[in-house]
Amino acid sequence: MDQLDVRIITYLQDDGTATNAGIARQVGVSEETVRRRLKRLMADKVIKVVAVPDAVRMGYQSQVIIGLQVDADKVDAVADELATMDEVTWVSVTTGSFDIFAWATLKSSEALSDFLRKRVGLIVGVRKMETFINLASKKEEYGINMGAVTL
């Protein structure tokens, strides 16, 4: 990866619908160069281009981070099970007071209650759960800030 790749990725982070021609104009190379670079970056799984829906506008009113304390020998199994759930958008095995954090998005507080009590709470190995309900999002970015990338 070089500085041109960083510039291409940075541009895509600002406008994920940008065309190869548009990116090429912005970064000062040919459209073919952009096409080739993007193909390589995606094949190497350095980047992926996805649509990110706005949960609130889609009718999902409950967004929550779930902190879980889990039996030490069950951490991976619990994380893997959480990762299979449609309501969960990311799962992270962590250090500190919680072994796992998961972000879940649900239609309502009733759906959240059922999800926590009837699904997450019943996973073998879960000892304790604490929820952190999202009241407002002040920043939502994905991946890494390419301005901080050093090559």
C-alpha atoms as a PDB file:
ATOM      1  CA  MET A   1       0.000   0.000   0.000  1.00  0.00           C
ATOM      2  CA  ASP A   2       1.284   3.440  -0.854  1.00  0.00           C
ATOM      3  CA  GLN A   3       0.201   7.071  -0.619  1.00  0.00           C
ATOM      4  CA  LEU A   4      -1.983   6.770  -3.742  1.00  0.00           C
ATOM      5  CA  ASP A   5      -3.923   3.897  -2.153  1.00  0.00           C
ATOM      6  CA  VAL A   6      -4.411   6.044   0.957  1.00  0.00           C
ATOM      7  CA  ARG A   7      -5.749   8.928  -1.161  1.00  0.00           C
ATOM      8  CA  ILE A   8      -8.140   6.622  -3.029  1.00  0.00           C
ATOM      9  CA  ILE A   9      -9.449   5.097   0.199  1.00  0.00           C
ATOM     10  CA  THR A  10      -9.799   8.526   1.798  1.00  0.00           C
ATOM     11  CA  TYR A  11     -11.870   9.733  -1.141  1.00  0.00           C
ATOM     12  CA  LEU A  12     -14.098   6.653  -0.982  1.00  0.00           C
ATOM     13  CA  GLN A  13     -14.628   7.183   2.739  1.00  0.00           C
ATOM     14  CA  ASP A  14     -16.044  10.617   1.931  1.00  0.00           C
ATOM     15  CA  ASP A  15     -18.125   9.378  -1.015  1.00  0.00           C
ATOM     16  CA  GLY A  16     -18.688   5.644  -1.254  1.00  0.00           C
ATOM     17  CA  THR A  17     -20.644   6.104  -4.490  1.00  0.00           C
ATOM     18  CA  ALA A  18     -17.787   7.865  -6.293  1.00  0.00           C
ATOM     19  CA  THR A  19     -17.002   6.534  -9.750  1.00  0.00           C
ATOM     20  CA  ASN A  20     -13.543   5.401 -10.755  1.00  0.00           C
ATOM     21  CA  ALA A  21     -13.415   8.363 -13.147  1.00  0.00           C
ATOM     22  CA  GLY A  22     -14.369  10.780 -10.381  1.00  0.00           C
ATOM     23  CA  ILE A  23     -11.760   9.367  -8.022  1.00  0.00           C
ATOM     24  CA  ALA A  24      -9.153   9.485 -10.770  1.00  0.00           C
ATOM     25  CA  ARG A  25      -9.831  13.195 -11.337  1.00  0.00           C
ATOM     26  CA  GLN A  26      -9.568  13.922  -7.626  1.00  0.00           C
ATOM     27  CA  VAL A  27      -6.319  12.032  -7.031  1.00  0.00           C
ATOM     28  CA  GLY A  28      -4.687  12.876 -10.384  1.00  0.00           C
ATOM     29  CA  VAL A  29      -4.269   9.476 -12.019  1.00  0.00           C
ATOM     30  CA  SER A  30      -5.984   7.558 -14.804  1.00  0.00           C
ATOM     31  CA  GLU A  31      -9.306   5.801 -14.350  1.00  0.00           C
ATOM     32  CA  GLU A  32      -7.580   2.491 -15.168  1.00  0.00           C
ATOM     33  CA  THR A  33      -5.086   3.054 -12.349  1.00  0.00           C
ATOM     34  CA  VAL A  34      -7.948   3.616  -9.890  1.00  0.00           C
ATOM     35  CA  ARG A  35      -9.798   0.542 -11.191  1.00  0.00           C
ATOM     36  CA  ARG A  36      -6.691  -1.629 -10.847  1.00  0.00           C
ATOM     37  CA  ARG A  37      -5.876  -0.280  -7.379  1.00  0.00           C
ATOM     38  CA  LEU A  38      -9.425  -0.764  -6.086  1.00  0.00           C
ATOM     39  CA  LYS A  39      -9.582  -4.286  -7.474  1.00  0.00           C
ATOM     40  CA  ARG A  40      -6.322  -5.150  -5.667  1.00  0.00           C
ATOM     41  CA  LEU A  41      -7.372  -3.451  -2.402  1.00  0.00           C
ATOM     42  CA  MET A  42     -10.656  -5.380  -2.393  1.00  0.00           C
ATOM     43  CA  ALA A  43      -9.061  -8.689  -3.411  1.00  0.00           C
ATOM     44  CA  ASP A  44      -6.503  -8.292  -0.611  1.00  0.00           C
ATOM     45  CA  LYS A  45      -9.382  -7.459   1.782  1.00  0.00           C
ATOM     46  CA  VAL A  46      -7.772  -4.135   2.671  1.00  0.00           C
ATOM     47  CA  ILE A  47     -11.115  -2.447   1.951  1.00  0.00           C
ATOM     48  CA  LYS A  48     -14.698  -3.348   1.240  1.00  0.00           C
ATOM     49  CA  VAL A  49     -17.327  -0.995  -0.088  1.00  0.00           C
ATOM     50  CA  VAL A  50     -20.709  -1.371   1.616  1.00  0.00           C
ATOM     51  CA  ALA A  51     -23.953   0.527   2.154  1.00  0.00           C
ATOM     52  CA  VAL A  52     -24.534   1.578   5.768  1.00  0.00           C
ATOM     53  CA  PRO A  53     -28.224   2.212   6.488  1.00  0.00           C
ATOM     54  CA  ASP A  54     -29.299   4.780   9.070  1.00  0.00           C
ATOM     55  CA  ALA A  55     -30.874   2.629  11.801  1.00  0.00           C
ATOM     56  CA  VAL A  56     -33.188   5.337  13.164  1.00  0.00           C
ATOM     57  CA  ARG A  57     -34.492   6.270   9.707  1.00  0.00           C
ATOM     58  CA  MET A  58     -35.054   2.559   9.075  1.00  0.00           C
ATOM     59  CA  GLY A  59     -37.289   2.353  12.166  1.00  0.00           C
ATOM     60  CA  TYR A  60     -34.822   0.845  14.639  1.00  0.00           C
ATOM     61  CA  GLN A  61     -35.284   2.837  17.827  1.00  0.00           C
ATOM     62  CA  SER A  62     -33.135   0.782  20.211  1.00  0.00           C
ATOM     63  CA  GLN A  63     -29.394   0.748  19.732  1.00  0.00           C
ATOM     64  CA  VAL A  64     -27.391  -0.718  22.568  1.00  0.00           C
ATOM     65  CA  ILE A  65     -23.906  -1.757  23.512  1.00  0.00           C
ATOM     66  CA  ILE A  66     -23.954  -4.900  25.614  1.00  0.00           C
ATOM     67  CA  GLY A  67     -21.074  -5.612  27.974  1.00  0.00           C
ATOM     68  CA  LEU A  68     -20.818  -9.271  28.930  1.00  0.00           C
ATOM     69  CA  GLN A  69     -18.873 -11.044  31.604  1.00  0.00           C
ATOM     70  CA  VAL A  70     -18.389 -14.624  30.509  1.00  0.00           C
ATOM     71  CA  ASP A  71     -16.858 -17.814  31.877  1.00  0.00           C
ATOM     72  CA  ALA A  72     -13.221 -17.782  30.744  1.00  0.00           C
ATOM     73  CA  ASP A  73     -13.508 -21.045  28.830  1.00  0.00           C
ATOM     74  CA  LYS A  74     -16.634 -19.844  26.977  1.00  0.00           C
ATOM     75  CA  VAL A  75     -15.504 -16.426  25.682  1.00  0.00           C
ATOM     76  CA  ASP A  76     -14.954 -17.511  22.079  1.00  0.00           C
ATOM     77  CA  ALA A  77     -18.120 -19.622  21.973  1.00  0.00           C
ATOM     78  CA  VAL A  78     -20.257 -16.783  23.342  1.00  0.00           C
ATOM     79  CA  ALA A  79     -18.676 -14.254  20.956  1.00  0.00           C
ATOM     80  CA  ASP A  80     -19.250 -16.625  18.033  1.00  0.00           C
ATOM     81  CA  GLU A  81     -22.888 -17.146  18.995  1.00  0.00           C
ATOM     82  CA  LEU A  82     -23.492 -13.399  19.321  1.00  0.00           C
ATOM     83  CA  ALA A  83     -21.900 -12.911  15.895  1.00  0.00           C
ATOM     84  CA  THR A  84     -24.563 -15.150  14.311  1.00  0.00           C
ATOM     85  CA  MET A  85     -27.453 -12.992  15.560  1.00  0.00           C
ATOM     86  CA  ASP A  86     -29.024 -10.676  12.994  1.00  0.00           C
ATOM     87  CA  GLU A  87     -29.590  -7.943  15.582  1.00  0.00           C
ATOM     88  CA  VAL A  88     -25.870  -7.760  16.383  1.00  0.00           C
ATOM     89  CA  THR A  89     -23.683  -5.655  14.100  1.00  0.00           C
ATOM     90  CA  TRP A  90     -20.322  -6.061  15.827  1.00  0.00           C
ATOM     91  CA  VAL A  91     -18.792  -8.218  18.517  1.00  0.00           C
ATOM     92  CA  SER A  92     -15.475  -7.549  20.207  1.00  0.00           C
ATOM     93  CA  VAL A  93     -13.570  -9.712  22.674  1.00  0.00           C
ATOM     94  CA  THR A  94     -11.940  -7.303  25.117  1.00  0.00           C
ATOM     95  CA  THR A  95      -9.876  -6.834  28.225  1.00  0.00           C
ATOM     96  CA  GLY A  96     -11.085  -5.122  31.374  1.00  0.00           C
ATOM     97  CA  SER A  97     -14.328  -5.468  33.298  1.00  0.00           C
ATOM     98  CA  PHE A  98     -16.136  -7.053  30.364  1.00  0.00           C
ATOM     99  CA  ASP A  99     -14.973  -9.983  28.276  1.00  0.00           C
ATOM    100  CA  ILE A 100     -17.138  -9.113  25.276  1.00  0.00           C
ATOM    101  CA  PHE A 101     -18.871  -6.033  23.927  1.00  0.00           C
ATOM    102  CA  ALA A 102     -21.594  -6.308  21.298  1.00  0.00           C
ATOM    103  CA  TRP A 103     -23.595  -3.643  19.469  1.00  0.00           C
ATOM    104  CA  ALA A 104     -27.213  -4.525  18.743  1.00  0.00           C
ATOM    105  CA  THR A 105     -29.947  -2.660  16.922  1.00  0.00           C
ATOM    106  CA  LEU A 106     -33.612  -3.452  17.488  1.00  0.00           C
ATOM    107  CA  LYS A 107     -36.977  -1.960  16.530  1.00  0.00           C
ATOM    108  CA  SER A 108     -38.198  -1.124  20.045  1.00  0.00           C
ATOM    109  CA  SER A 109     -37.448  -1.313  23.740  1.00  0.00           C
ATOM    110  CA  GLU A 110     -39.794  -4.319  23.933  1.00  0.00           C
ATOM    111  CA  ALA A 111     -37.794  -6.094  21.234  1.00  0.00           C
ATOM    112  CA  LEU A 112     -34.599  -5.199  23.093  1.00  0.00           C
ATOM    113  CA  SER A 113     -35.990  -6.619  26.332  1.00  0.00           C
ATOM    114  CA  ASP A 114     -36.933  -9.901  24.660  1.00  0.00           C
ATOM    115  CA  PHE A 115     -33.573 -10.071  22.897  1.00  0.00           C
ATOM    116  CA  LEU A 116     -31.629  -9.611  26.133  1.00  0.00           C
ATOM    117  CA  ARG A 117     -33.742 -11.916  28.305  1.00  0.00           C
ATOM    118  CA  LYS A 118     -34.656 -14.667  25.858  1.00  0.00           C
ATOM    119  CA  ARG A 119     -31.575 -14.846  23.671  1.00  0.00           C
ATOM    120  CA  VAL A 120     -28.426 -13.238  25.025  1.00  0.00           C
ATOM    121  CA  GLY A 121     -29.159 -14.045  28.655  1.00  0.00           C
ATOM    122  CA  LEU A 122     -29.642 -17.721  27.821  1.00  0.00           C
ATOM    123  CA  ILE A 123     -26.284 -18.226  26.102  1.00  0.00           C
ATOM    124  CA  VAL A 124     -24.262 -20.788  28.038  1.00  0.00           C
ATOM    125  CA  GLY A 125     -21.330 -19.112  29.778  1.00  0.00           C
ATOM    126  CA  VAL A 126     -22.835 -15.625  30.158  1.00  0.00           C
ATOM    127  CA  ARG A 127     -22.476 -14.626  33.805  1.00  0.00           C
ATOM    128  CA  LYS A 128     -23.418 -10.954  33.713  1.00  0.00           C
ATOM    129  CA  MET A 129     -24.765  -8.468  31.208  1.00  0.00           C
ATOM    130  CA  GLU A 130     -24.775  -4.690  31.316  1.00  0.00           C
ATOM    131  CA  THR A 131     -26.422  -2.592  28.641  1.00  0.00           C
ATOM    132  CA  PHE A 132     -25.484   0.868  27.463  1.00  0.00           C
ATOM    133  CA  ILE A 133     -28.360   2.360  25.491  1.00  0.00           C
ATOM    134  CA  ASN A 134     -27.403   4.808  22.787  1.00  0.00           C
ATOM    135  CA  LEU A 135     -29.099   8.152  23.426  1.00  0.00           C
ATOM    136  CA  ALA A 136     -27.443  10.083  20.588  1.00  0.00           C
ATOM    137  CA  SER A 137     -24.687   9.452  18.081  1.00  0.00           C
ATOM    138  CA  LYS A 138     -22.217  12.313  17.768  1.00  0.00           C
ATOM    139  CA  LYS A 139     -19.839  10.585  15.367  1.00  0.00           C
ATOM    140  CA  GLU A 140     -20.255   7.525  13.192  1.00  0.00           C
ATOM    141  CA  GLU A 141     -17.287   6.628  11.061  1.00  0.00           C
ATOM    142  CA  TYR A 142     -16.156   3.233   9.924  1.00  0.00           C
ATOM    143  CA  GLY A 143     -12.729   1.786   9.505  1.00  0.00           C
ATOM    144  CA  ILE A 144      -9.811   4.049  10.345  1.00  0.00           C
ATOM    145  CA  ASN A 145      -9.011   7.714   9.821  1.00  0.00           C
ATOM    146  CA  MET A 146      -6.762   7.549   6.760  1.00  0.00           C
ATOM    147  CA  GLY A 147      -5.174  10.866   7.765  1.00  0.00           C
ATOM    148  CA  ALA A 148      -3.560   8.992  10.645  1.00  0.00           C
ATOM    149  CA  VAL A 149      -2.078   6.269   8.411  1.00  0.00           C
ATOM    150  CA  THR A 150       1.692   6.202   8.272  1.00  0.00           C
ATOM    151  CA  LEU A 151       3.412   4.232   5.553  1.00  0.00           C
END
